[in-house]
Amino acid sequence: MKIAIMGSGGVGGYFGAKLALAGNDVTFIARGAHLDAIRANGLRVTTDTGEMTVNPAKATDDPATIGPVDVVLFTTKLYDTTEAAESLKPVMGPETFVVTVQNGVSGADLIGDVLGRDRVLAGSTYIISHLEAPGLIHHMGQFQRIVFGEVDGTLSERGKAFATTCADAGIDVDFSDKVLTTMWEKFIPLTVMSGMTALTRMPIGPILSDPELSAMVDAAVAEAVAVGRAQGVPLHEKAADRVQKTVRAAPYDTKSSMLVDLERGKKMELPWLSATVAKMGGELGVPTPTHAFIAAALKLHAGGTARP
């Protein structure tokens, strides 16, 4: 398949490398020093068990130079979504579709508003991977999973084709007819852990060790589950219990990526996490005082403070 990777950092870079090494025609959309390094030396990916290198690697900061592709794997931060989607218009042929595995539950709608809702398949990814240096991705652990599907739950031929391509590349993939449930099952613990760790500037362990903050975690979980159900998402009857177990199973020193972004003075995905839960709750008549407080307390930091 001819594939464009929109956002070639830890997630997109890893999966793009796997797809390229399996023989697919992959172009990495990147910028700055990362783009320069990929062009000069290829894209390297280190893992706990070895290393893989795509060299030469196709890379550009201008999607218009790629031409129409079969599929775009979309992995940018949520705050870059609309601008990135606009830049993809030149690669969209008659049958081109986009698979988004971004955080949150808003990405598919944001991309669809630009490129057409029928062009977008939604999904989630389960991976611990980051950009260690320009041209170098580091993947930790064994997880490297993509779950995606049509928003309406149909098992389309295009989805099946991309799932087969991923599987042939050694990616753990699931083309699902229940992708909205999957996304919310990831979104709820993500938004709770992101909000609480960024709010307190602490890893999850100390938060859960404090009775008042632990109760606040449980309240945030319950609110997000209630909003999901009010949205019509068929969550399990014990969804809140399951999420609480997931949060409590995290290593003591776990920091969310949003906390790391806050510490580094970078932009945060807050508007698409706790702020989205609070906004949806307001529209649906579901009380969300915990997420509303998190969103209000952090909003002055959402744009980042780092300077070039």
C-alpha atoms as a PDB file:
ATOM      1  CA  MET A   1       0.000   0.000   0.000  1.00  0.00           C
ATOM      2  CA  LYS A   2       1.012   3.600  -0.478  1.00  0.00           C
ATOM      3  CA  ILE A   3       0.891   5.141   2.986  1.00  0.00           C
ATOM      4  CA  ALA A   4       1.515   8.594   4.439  1.00  0.00           C
ATOM      5  CA  ILE A   5       2.380   8.916   8.117  1.00  0.00           C
ATOM      6  CA  MET A   6       0.991  12.203   9.437  1.00  0.00           C
ATOM      7  CA  GLY A   7       2.987  12.797  12.603  1.00  0.00           C
ATOM      8  CA  SER A   8       6.207  10.800  12.576  1.00  0.00           C
ATOM      9  CA  GLY A   9       7.087  10.936  16.271  1.00  0.00           C
ATOM     10  CA  GLY A  10       7.062   8.053  18.722  1.00  0.00           C
ATOM     11  CA  VAL A  11       3.820   6.467  17.527  1.00  0.00           C
ATOM     12  CA  GLY A  12       3.758   7.294  13.827  1.00  0.00           C
ATOM     13  CA  GLY A  13       7.488   6.765  13.443  1.00  0.00           C
ATOM     14  CA  TYR A  14       7.330   3.303  15.002  1.00  0.00           C
ATOM     15  CA  PHE A  15       4.364   2.012  13.011  1.00  0.00           C
ATOM     16  CA  GLY A  16       5.568   3.718   9.838  1.00  0.00           C
ATOM     17  CA  ALA A  17       8.939   1.989  10.148  1.00  0.00           C
ATOM     18  CA  LYS A  18       7.254  -1.405  10.539  1.00  0.00           C
ATOM     19  CA  LEU A  19       5.087  -0.751   7.486  1.00  0.00           C
ATOM     20  CA  ALA A  20       8.016   0.495   5.391  1.00  0.00           C
ATOM     21  CA  LEU A  21      10.254  -2.459   6.271  1.00  0.00           C
ATOM     22  CA  ALA A  22       7.434  -4.805   5.188  1.00  0.00           C
ATOM     23  CA  GLY A  23       7.673  -3.372   1.678  1.00  0.00           C
ATOM     24  CA  ASN A  24       4.970  -0.712   1.675  1.00  0.00           C
ATOM     25  CA  ASP A  25       5.520   2.663   0.001  1.00  0.00           C
ATOM     26  CA  VAL A  26       5.662   4.834   3.134  1.00  0.00           C
ATOM     27  CA  THR A  27       6.320   8.572   3.364  1.00  0.00           C
ATOM     28  CA  PHE A  28       6.946  10.154   6.757  1.00  0.00           C
ATOM     29  CA  ILE A  29       5.548  13.652   7.204  1.00  0.00           C
ATOM     30  CA  ALA A  30       7.844  15.383   9.673  1.00  0.00           C
ATOM     31  CA  ARG A  31       9.516  18.730  10.258  1.00  0.00           C
ATOM     32  CA  GLY A  32      12.597  20.462  11.612  1.00  0.00           C
ATOM     33  CA  ALA A  33      15.592  18.546  12.891  1.00  0.00           C
ATOM     34  CA  HIS A  34      13.662  15.268  12.877  1.00  0.00           C
ATOM     35  CA  LEU A  35      12.948  15.613   9.166  1.00  0.00           C
ATOM     36  CA  ASP A  36      16.576  16.536   8.446  1.00  0.00           C
ATOM     37  CA  ALA A  37      17.833  13.493  10.332  1.00  0.00           C
ATOM     38  CA  ILE A  38      15.465  11.104   8.548  1.00  0.00           C
ATOM     39  CA  ARG A  39      16.537  12.456   5.179  1.00  0.00           C
ATOM     40  CA  ALA A  40      20.223  12.222   6.040  1.00  0.00           C
ATOM     41  CA  ASN A  41      20.417   8.908   7.898  1.00  0.00           C
ATOM     42  CA  GLY A  42      17.030   7.230   7.658  1.00  0.00           C
ATOM     43  CA  LEU A  43      14.681   6.514  10.566  1.00  0.00           C
ATOM     44  CA  ARG A  44      16.037   4.370  13.410  1.00  0.00           C
ATOM     45  CA  VAL A  45      13.855   2.586  15.940  1.00  0.00           C
ATOM     46  CA  THR A  46      15.359   1.018  19.043  1.00  0.00           C
ATOM     47  CA  THR A  47      13.401  -1.497  21.112  1.00  0.00           C
ATOM     48  CA  ASP A  48      14.004  -3.643  24.178  1.00  0.00           C
ATOM     49  CA  THR A  49      14.956  -6.498  21.868  1.00  0.00           C
ATOM     50  CA  GLY A  50      16.860  -4.829  19.062  1.00  0.00           C
ATOM     51  CA  GLU A  51      16.868  -2.118  16.441  1.00  0.00           C
ATOM     52  CA  MET A  52      15.358  -1.485  13.024  1.00  0.00           C
ATOM     53  CA  THR A  53      16.307   1.142  10.476  1.00  0.00           C
ATOM     54  CA  VAL A  54      14.498   2.465   7.410  1.00  0.00           C
ATOM     55  CA  ASN A  55      17.262   3.803   5.184  1.00  0.00           C
ATOM     56  CA  PRO A  56      16.694   5.395   2.788  1.00  0.00           C
ATOM     57  CA  ALA A  57      13.398   6.696   4.119  1.00  0.00           C
ATOM     58  CA  LYS A  58      10.955   8.906   2.253  1.00  0.00           C
ATOM     59  CA  ALA A  59      10.242  12.027   4.290  1.00  0.00           C
ATOM     60  CA  THR A  60       8.807  15.484   3.661  1.00  0.00           C
ATOM     61  CA  ASP A  61       7.235  18.459   5.377  1.00  0.00           C
ATOM     62  CA  ASP A  62       5.029  19.134   2.338  1.00  0.00           C
ATOM     63  CA  PRO A  63       2.311  16.532   1.687  1.00  0.00           C
ATOM     64  CA  ALA A  64       1.683  18.084  -1.730  1.00  0.00           C
ATOM     65  CA  THR A  65       4.914  16.433  -2.930  1.00  0.00           C
ATOM     66  CA  ILE A  66       3.676  12.912  -2.126  1.00  0.00           C
ATOM     67  CA  GLY A  67       0.741  12.559  -4.488  1.00  0.00           C
ATOM     68  CA  PRO A  68      -2.409  10.535  -3.777  1.00  0.00           C
ATOM     69  CA  VAL A  69      -2.008   7.673  -1.288  1.00  0.00           C
ATOM     70  CA  ASP A  70      -4.116   4.684  -0.300  1.00  0.00           C
ATOM     71  CA  VAL A  71      -4.223   5.508   3.406  1.00  0.00           C
ATOM     72  CA  VAL A  72      -2.969   8.085   5.898  1.00  0.00           C
ATOM     73  CA  LEU A  73      -2.041   6.943   9.406  1.00  0.00           C
ATOM     74  CA  PHE A  74      -2.775  10.034  11.505  1.00  0.00           C
ATOM     75  CA  THR A  75      -0.907  10.317  14.834  1.00  0.00           C
ATOM     76  CA  THR A  76      -0.397  14.026  15.567  1.00  0.00           C
ATOM     77  CA  LYS A  77      -1.137  15.725  18.867  1.00  0.00           C
ATOM     78  CA  LEU A  78      -4.787  16.750  19.031  1.00  0.00           C
ATOM     79  CA  TYR A  79      -3.997  20.477  18.981  1.00  0.00           C
ATOM     80  CA  ASP A  80      -2.380  20.057  15.538  1.00  0.00           C
ATOM     81  CA  THR A  81      -5.268  18.075  14.056  1.00  0.00           C
ATOM     82  CA  THR A  82      -7.110  20.673  11.978  1.00  0.00           C
ATOM     83  CA  GLU A  83      -3.974  22.210  10.468  1.00  0.00           C
ATOM     84  CA  ALA A  84      -2.523  18.780   9.705  1.00  0.00           C
ATOM     85  CA  ALA A  85      -5.766  17.615   8.117  1.00  0.00           C
ATOM     86  CA  GLU A  86      -5.869  20.707   5.880  1.00  0.00           C
ATOM     87  CA  SER A  87      -2.349  19.932   4.672  1.00  0.00           C
ATOM     88  CA  LEU A  88      -3.437  16.437   3.619  1.00  0.00           C
ATOM     89  CA  LYS A  89      -5.857  17.564   0.905  1.00  0.00           C
ATOM     90  CA  PRO A  90      -3.267  17.036  -1.884  1.00  0.00           C
ATOM     91  CA  VAL A  91      -2.788  13.347  -0.947  1.00  0.00           C
ATOM     92  CA  MET A  92      -6.503  12.529  -0.961  1.00  0.00           C
ATOM     93  CA  GLY A  93      -7.361  10.505  -4.049  1.00  0.00           C
ATOM     94  CA  PRO A  94     -10.890   9.217  -4.776  1.00  0.00           C
ATOM     95  CA  GLU A  95     -10.472   6.184  -2.477  1.00  0.00           C
ATOM     96  CA  THR A  96      -7.989   7.559   0.061  1.00  0.00           C
ATOM     97  CA  PHE A  97      -8.956   7.173   3.711  1.00  0.00           C
ATOM     98  CA  VAL A  98      -7.482   8.234   7.037  1.00  0.00           C
ATOM     99  CA  VAL A  99      -6.975   6.079  10.125  1.00  0.00           C
ATOM    100  CA  THR A 100      -6.569   8.168  13.262  1.00  0.00           C
ATOM    101  CA  VAL A 101      -5.104   6.644  16.432  1.00  0.00           C
ATOM    102  CA  GLN A 102      -4.775   9.889  18.372  1.00  0.00           C
ATOM    103  CA  ASN A 103      -5.561  10.351  22.037  1.00  0.00           C
ATOM    104  CA  GLY A 104      -9.081  11.263  23.086  1.00  0.00           C
ATOM    105  CA  VAL A 105     -12.350  10.771  21.222  1.00  0.00           C
ATOM    106  CA  SER A 106     -12.440  13.930  19.080  1.00  0.00           C
ATOM    107  CA  GLY A 107      -9.842  13.266  16.399  1.00  0.00           C
ATOM    108  CA  ALA A 108     -12.064  11.551  13.848  1.00  0.00           C
ATOM    109  CA  ASP A 109     -14.631  14.354  13.978  1.00  0.00           C
ATOM    110  CA  LEU A 110     -11.976  17.067  13.662  1.00  0.00           C
ATOM    111  CA  ILE A 111     -10.383  15.365  10.645  1.00  0.00           C
ATOM    112  CA  GLY A 112     -13.790  14.598   9.155  1.00  0.00           C
ATOM    113  CA  ASP A 113     -14.784  18.250   9.341  1.00  0.00           C
ATOM    114  CA  VAL A 114     -11.877  18.997   6.995  1.00  0.00           C
ATOM    115  CA  LEU A 115     -11.643  15.943   4.741  1.00  0.00           C
ATOM    116  CA  GLY A 116     -15.140  14.436   4.976  1.00  0.00           C
ATOM    117  CA  ARG A 117     -16.551  12.154   7.663  1.00  0.00           C
ATOM    118  CA  ASP A 118     -16.757   9.209   5.242  1.00  0.00           C
ATOM    119  CA  ARG A 119     -12.971   9.391   4.758  1.00  0.00           C
ATOM    120  CA  VAL A 120     -12.072   8.735   8.396  1.00  0.00           C
ATOM    121  CA  LEU A 121     -11.725   5.543  10.408  1.00  0.00           C
ATOM    122  CA  ALA A 122     -11.275   5.980  14.158  1.00  0.00           C
ATOM    123  CA  GLY A 123      -9.044   4.065  16.493  1.00  0.00           C
ATOM    124  CA  SER A 124      -6.690   3.822  19.432  1.00  0.00           C
ATOM    125  CA  THR A 125      -3.154   2.622  19.908  1.00  0.00           C
ATOM    126  CA  TYR A 126      -1.462   0.889  22.815  1.00  0.00           C
ATOM    127  CA  ILE A 127       2.256   1.560  22.755  1.00  0.00           C
ATOM    128  CA  ILE A 128       5.004   3.131  24.849  1.00  0.00           C
ATOM    129  CA  SER A 129       7.187   4.895  22.344  1.00  0.00           C
ATOM    130  CA  HIS A 130       8.770   8.333  22.090  1.00  0.00           C
ATOM    131  CA  LEU A 131      11.040  10.476  19.965  1.00  0.00           C
ATOM    132  CA  GLU A 132      14.389  10.121  21.723  1.00  0.00           C
ATOM    133  CA  ALA A 133      16.397  12.289  19.317  1.00  0.00           C
ATOM    134  CA  PRO A 134      16.005  13.563  15.747  1.00  0.00           C
ATOM    135  CA  GLY A 135      15.685  10.514  13.531  1.00  0.00           C
ATOM    136  CA  LEU A 136      15.548   8.128  16.504  1.00  0.00           C
ATOM    137  CA  ILE A 137      12.440   6.490  18.023  1.00  0.00           C
ATOM    138  CA  HIS A 138      12.624   4.435  21.227  1.00  0.00           C
ATOM    139  CA  HIS A 139       9.980   1.786  21.880  1.00  0.00           C
ATOM    140  CA  MET A 140       9.649   0.249  25.350  1.00  0.00           C
ATOM    141  CA  GLY A 141       7.971  -3.007  26.360  1.00  0.00           C
ATOM    142  CA  GLN A 142       6.062  -5.427  24.170  1.00  0.00           C
ATOM    143  CA  PHE A 143       2.876  -3.472  23.426  1.00  0.00           C
ATOM    144  CA  GLN A 144       2.490  -2.195  19.853  1.00  0.00           C
ATOM    145  CA  ARG A 145      -1.195  -2.536  19.121  1.00  0.00           C
ATOM    146  CA  ILE A 146      -3.657  -0.679  16.899  1.00  0.00           C
ATOM    147  CA  VAL A 147      -7.428  -1.074  17.252  1.00  0.00           C
ATOM    148  CA  PHE A 148      -9.441   0.762  14.604  1.00  0.00           C
ATOM    149  CA  GLY A 149     -12.726   0.626  12.745  1.00  0.00           C
ATOM    150  CA  GLU A 150     -15.450   2.382  10.842  1.00  0.00           C
ATOM    151  CA  VAL A 151     -17.348   4.803  13.063  1.00  0.00           C
ATOM    152  CA  ASP A 152     -20.645   3.150  12.096  1.00  0.00           C
ATOM    153  CA  GLY A 153     -19.338  -0.294  13.006  1.00  0.00           C
ATOM    154  CA  THR A 154     -19.337  -1.791   9.503  1.00  0.00           C
ATOM    155  CA  LEU A 155     -16.501  -4.147   8.558  1.00  0.00           C
ATOM    156  CA  SER A 156     -15.500  -2.448   5.310  1.00  0.00           C
ATOM    157  CA  GLU A 157     -13.202  -3.867   2.667  1.00  0.00           C
ATOM    158  CA  ARG A 158     -10.866  -0.874   2.989  1.00  0.00           C
ATOM    159  CA  GLY A 159     -10.539  -1.467   6.708  1.00  0.00           C
ATOM    160  CA  LYS A 160      -9.874  -5.159   6.185  1.00  0.00           C
ATOM    161  CA  ALA A 161      -7.184  -4.319   3.616  1.00  0.00           C
ATOM    162  CA  PHE A 162      -5.339  -1.971   5.960  1.00  0.00           C
ATOM    163  CA  ALA A 163      -5.621  -4.445   8.839  1.00  0.00           C
ATOM    164  CA  THR A 164      -4.061  -7.130   6.651  1.00  0.00           C
ATOM    165  CA  THR A 165      -1.261  -4.751   5.667  1.00  0.00           C
ATOM    166  CA  CYS A 166      -0.560  -4.002   9.330  1.00  0.00           C
ATOM    167  CA  ALA A 167      -0.627  -7.670  10.312  1.00  0.00           C
ATOM    168  CA  ASP A 168       1.753  -8.552   7.477  1.00  0.00           C
ATOM    169  CA  ALA A 169       4.123  -5.900   8.887  1.00  0.00           C
ATOM    170  CA  GLY A 170       4.134  -7.569  12.301  1.00  0.00           C
ATOM    171  CA  ILE A 171       1.792  -5.060  13.940  1.00  0.00           C
ATOM    172  CA  ASP A 172      -0.718  -6.334  16.479  1.00  0.00           C
ATOM    173  CA  VAL A 173      -3.925  -5.049  14.899  1.00  0.00           C
ATOM    174  CA  ASP A 174      -7.665  -5.422  15.448  1.00  0.00           C
ATOM    175  CA  PHE A 175     -10.193  -4.162  12.902  1.00  0.00           C
ATOM    176  CA  SER A 176     -13.177  -3.758  15.193  1.00  0.00           C
ATOM    177  CA  ASP A 177     -16.921  -3.272  14.788  1.00  0.00           C
ATOM    178  CA  LYS A 178     -17.030  -1.724  18.282  1.00  0.00           C
ATOM    179  CA  VAL A 179     -14.355   0.909  17.946  1.00  0.00           C
ATOM    180  CA  LEU A 180     -16.238   3.670  19.802  1.00  0.00           C
ATOM    181  CA  THR A 181     -16.428   1.489  22.904  1.00  0.00           C
ATOM    182  CA  THR A 182     -12.726   0.709  22.572  1.00  0.00           C
ATOM    183  CA  MET A 183     -11.853   4.375  22.254  1.00  0.00           C
ATOM    184  CA  TRP A 184     -13.848   5.351  25.341  1.00  0.00           C
ATOM    185  CA  GLU A 185     -12.344   2.478  27.327  1.00  0.00           C
ATOM    186  CA  LYS A 186      -8.945   4.022  26.632  1.00  0.00           C
ATOM    187  CA  PHE A 187     -10.102   7.648  26.843  1.00  0.00           C
ATOM    188  CA  ILE A 188     -11.533   7.410  30.367  1.00  0.00           C
ATOM    189  CA  PRO A 189      -8.356   6.277  32.181  1.00  0.00           C
ATOM    190  CA  LEU A 190      -6.291   8.552  29.930  1.00  0.00           C
ATOM    191  CA  THR A 191      -8.257  11.689  30.748  1.00  0.00           C
ATOM    192  CA  VAL A 192      -8.348  10.868  34.474  1.00  0.00           C
ATOM    193  CA  MET A 193      -4.624  10.141  34.745  1.00  0.00           C
ATOM    194  CA  SER A 194      -3.698  13.077  32.515  1.00  0.00           C
ATOM    195  CA  GLY A 195      -5.851  15.502  34.449  1.00  0.00           C
ATOM    196  CA  MET A 196      -4.913  14.354  37.936  1.00  0.00           C
ATOM    197  CA  THR A 197      -1.157  14.076  37.361  1.00  0.00           C
ATOM    198  CA  ALA A 198      -0.983  17.446  35.597  1.00  0.00           C
ATOM    199  CA  LEU A 199      -3.184  19.092  38.237  1.00  0.00           C
ATOM    200  CA  THR A 200      -1.000  17.894  41.125  1.00  0.00           C
ATOM    201  CA  ARG A 201       2.322  17.916  39.222  1.00  0.00           C
ATOM    202  CA  MET A 202       2.865  14.414  40.639  1.00  0.00           C
ATOM    203  CA  PRO A 203       3.007  10.826  39.335  1.00  0.00           C
ATOM    204  CA  ILE A 204      -0.052   8.635  39.860  1.00  0.00           C
ATOM    205  CA  GLY A 205       1.388   6.714  42.843  1.00  0.00           C
ATOM    206  CA  PRO A 206       1.468   9.582  45.357  1.00  0.00           C
ATOM    207  CA  ILE A 207      -1.981  10.681  44.178  1.00  0.00           C
ATOM    208  CA  LEU A 208      -3.505   7.285  44.892  1.00  0.00           C
ATOM    209  CA  SER A 209      -1.712   7.124  48.258  1.00  0.00           C
ATOM    210  CA  ASP A 210      -3.556  10.230  49.435  1.00  0.00           C
ATOM    211  CA  PRO A 211      -7.165   9.480  50.507  1.00  0.00           C
ATOM    212  CA  GLU A 212      -8.617  12.797  49.329  1.00  0.00           C
ATOM    213  CA  LEU A 213      -6.885  12.697  45.948  1.00  0.00           C
ATOM    214  CA  SER A 214      -7.701   9.007  45.521  1.00  0.00           C
ATOM    215  CA  ALA A 215     -11.372   9.842  46.043  1.00  0.00           C
ATOM    216  CA  MET A 216     -11.007  12.596  43.446  1.00  0.00           C
ATOM    217  CA  VAL A 217      -9.653  10.010  40.967  1.00  0.00           C
ATOM    218  CA  ASP A 218     -12.698   7.821  41.579  1.00  0.00           C
ATOM    219  CA  ALA A 219     -15.023  10.789  41.086  1.00  0.00           C
ATOM    220  CA  ALA A 220     -13.319  11.694  37.805  1.00  0.00           C
ATOM    221  CA  VAL A 221     -13.711   8.098  36.597  1.00  0.00           C
ATOM    222  CA  ALA A 222     -17.411   8.026  37.495  1.00  0.00           C
ATOM    223  CA  GLU A 223     -18.041  11.341  35.723  1.00  0.00           C
ATOM    224  CA  ALA A 224     -16.331  10.243  32.506  1.00  0.00           C
ATOM    225  CA  VAL A 225     -18.182   6.917  32.471  1.00  0.00           C
ATOM    226  CA  ALA A 226     -21.498   8.723  32.959  1.00  0.00           C
ATOM    227  CA  VAL A 227     -20.730  11.096  30.069  1.00  0.00           C
ATOM    228  CA  GLY A 228     -19.776   8.189  27.799  1.00  0.00           C
ATOM    229  CA  ARG A 229     -23.026   6.407  28.540  1.00  0.00           C
ATOM    230  CA  ALA A 230     -25.010   9.612  27.984  1.00  0.00           C
ATOM    231  CA  GLN A 231     -23.274   9.850  24.587  1.00  0.00           C
ATOM    232  CA  GLY A 232     -24.710   6.451  23.763  1.00  0.00           C
ATOM    233  CA  VAL A 233     -21.447   4.530  24.016  1.00  0.00           C
ATOM    234  CA  PRO A 234     -22.180   0.931  25.118  1.00  0.00           C
ATOM    235  CA  LEU A 235     -19.769   0.738  28.038  1.00  0.00           C
ATOM    236  CA  HIS A 236     -19.623  -2.344  30.256  1.00  0.00           C
ATOM    237  CA  GLU A 237     -21.851  -2.278  33.351  1.00  0.00           C
ATOM    238  CA  LYS A 238     -18.726  -2.439  35.524  1.00  0.00           C
ATOM    239  CA  ALA A 239     -16.799   0.089  33.415  1.00  0.00           C
ATOM    240  CA  ALA A 240     -15.985   2.353  36.374  1.00  0.00           C
ATOM    241  CA  ASP A 241     -14.583  -0.561  38.397  1.00  0.00           C
ATOM    242  CA  ARG A 242     -12.495  -1.668  35.446  1.00  0.00           C
ATOM    243  CA  VAL A 243     -11.050   1.799  34.899  1.00  0.00           C
ATOM    244  CA  GLN A 244     -10.247   2.198  38.589  1.00  0.00           C
ATOM    245  CA  LYS A 245      -8.342  -1.089  38.474  1.00  0.00           C
ATOM    246  CA  THR A 246      -6.476   0.059  35.369  1.00  0.00           C
ATOM    247  CA  VAL A 247      -5.452   3.330  37.000  1.00  0.00           C
ATOM    248  CA  ARG A 248      -4.373   1.590  40.199  1.00  0.00           C
ATOM    249  CA  ALA A 249      -2.326  -0.945  38.242  1.00  0.00           C
ATOM    250  CA  ALA A 250      -0.117   1.790  36.777  1.00  0.00           C
ATOM    251  CA  PRO A 251       3.465   1.885  38.090  1.00  0.00           C
ATOM    252  CA  TYR A 252       3.907   4.222  41.083  1.00  0.00           C
ATOM    253  CA  ASP A 253       6.090   6.701  39.150  1.00  0.00           C
ATOM    254  CA  THR A 254       3.847   6.896  36.078  1.00  0.00           C
ATOM    255  CA  LYS A 255       3.567  10.401  34.628  1.00  0.00           C
ATOM    256  CA  SER A 256       1.051  11.190  31.922  1.00  0.00           C
ATOM    257  CA  SER A 257       2.305  12.723  28.687  1.00  0.00           C
ATOM    258  CA  MET A 258       0.243  15.799  29.576  1.00  0.00           C
ATOM    259  CA  LEU A 259       2.191  16.234  32.817  1.00  0.00           C
ATOM    260  CA  VAL A 260       5.458  15.856  30.896  1.00  0.00           C
ATOM    261  CA  ASP A 261       4.286  18.484  28.409  1.00  0.00           C
ATOM    262  CA  LEU A 262       3.365  20.798  31.300  1.00  0.00           C
ATOM    263  CA  GLU A 263       6.771  20.330  32.935  1.00  0.00           C
ATOM    264  CA  ARG A 264       8.487  21.139  29.633  1.00  0.00           C
ATOM    265  CA  GLY A 265       6.355  24.214  28.997  1.00  0.00           C
ATOM    266  CA  LYS A 266       4.779  22.629  25.904  1.00  0.00           C
ATOM    267  CA  LYS A 267       1.213  22.810  24.699  1.00  0.00           C
ATOM    268  CA  MET A 268      -1.156  20.328  26.313  1.00  0.00           C
ATOM    269  CA  GLU A 269      -4.058  18.240  25.036  1.00  0.00           C
ATOM    270  CA  LEU A 270      -6.242  19.497  27.906  1.00  0.00           C
ATOM    271  CA  PRO A 271      -9.026  20.887  25.640  1.00  0.00           C
ATOM    272  CA  TRP A 272      -9.590  17.368  24.240  1.00  0.00           C
ATOM    273  CA  LEU A 273      -9.345  15.528  27.576  1.00  0.00           C
ATOM    274  CA  SER A 274     -10.878  16.834  30.842  1.00  0.00           C
ATOM    275  CA  ALA A 275     -12.210  19.941  29.106  1.00  0.00           C
ATOM    276  CA  THR A 276     -14.015  17.717  26.579  1.00  0.00           C
ATOM    277  CA  VAL A 277     -15.552  15.612  29.371  1.00  0.00           C
ATOM    278  CA  ALA A 278     -16.784  18.802  31.060  1.00  0.00           C
ATOM    279  CA  LYS A 279     -18.115  20.244  27.791  1.00  0.00           C
ATOM    280  CA  MET A 280     -19.957  17.048  26.863  1.00  0.00           C
ATOM    281  CA  GLY A 281     -21.328  16.795  30.388  1.00  0.00           C
ATOM    282  CA  GLY A 282     -22.706  20.318  30.163  1.00  0.00           C
ATOM    283  CA  GLU A 283     -24.382  19.579  26.841  1.00  0.00           C
ATOM    284  CA  LEU A 284     -25.887  16.308  28.089  1.00  0.00           C
ATOM    285  CA  GLY A 285     -26.895  17.436  31.559  1.00  0.00           C
ATOM    286  CA  VAL A 286     -24.340  15.175  33.275  1.00  0.00           C
ATOM    287  CA  PRO A 287     -22.545  16.782  36.259  1.00  0.00           C
ATOM    288  CA  THR A 288     -18.761  16.789  35.849  1.00  0.00           C
ATOM    289  CA  PRO A 289     -17.411  18.948  38.701  1.00  0.00           C
ATOM    290  CA  THR A 290     -14.058  17.150  38.913  1.00  0.00           C
ATOM    291  CA  HIS A 291     -13.208  17.439  35.241  1.00  0.00           C
ATOM    292  CA  ALA A 292     -14.522  21.006  35.137  1.00  0.00           C
ATOM    293  CA  PHE A 293     -12.196  21.901  38.012  1.00  0.00           C
ATOM    294  CA  ILE A 294      -9.212  20.219  36.326  1.00  0.00           C
ATOM    295  CA  ALA A 295      -9.930  22.047  33.068  1.00  0.00           C
ATOM    296  CA  ALA A 296     -10.305  25.415  34.802  1.00  0.00           C
ATOM    297  CA  ALA A 297      -7.212  24.987  36.980  1.00  0.00           C
ATOM    298  CA  LEU A 298      -4.976  24.057  34.040  1.00  0.00           C
ATOM    299  CA  LYS A 299      -6.387  26.200  31.224  1.00  0.00           C
ATOM    300  CA  LEU A 300      -3.830  29.004  31.635  1.00  0.00           C
ATOM    301  CA  HIS A 301      -1.087  26.444  30.963  1.00  0.00           C
ATOM    302  CA  ALA A 302      -2.756  24.721  28.021  1.00  0.00           C
ATOM    303  CA  GLY A 303      -0.989  26.836  25.427  1.00  0.00           C
ATOM    304  CA  GLY A 304       2.453  26.133  26.876  1.00  0.00           C
ATOM    305  CA  THR A 305       5.088  28.512  28.156  1.00  0.00           C
ATOM    306  CA  ALA A 306       8.158  27.318  26.261  1.00  0.00           C
ATOM    307  CA  ARG A 307       9.809  29.789  23.933  1.00  0.00           C
ATOM    308  CA  PRO A 308      11.856  28.891  20.859  1.00  0.00           C
END
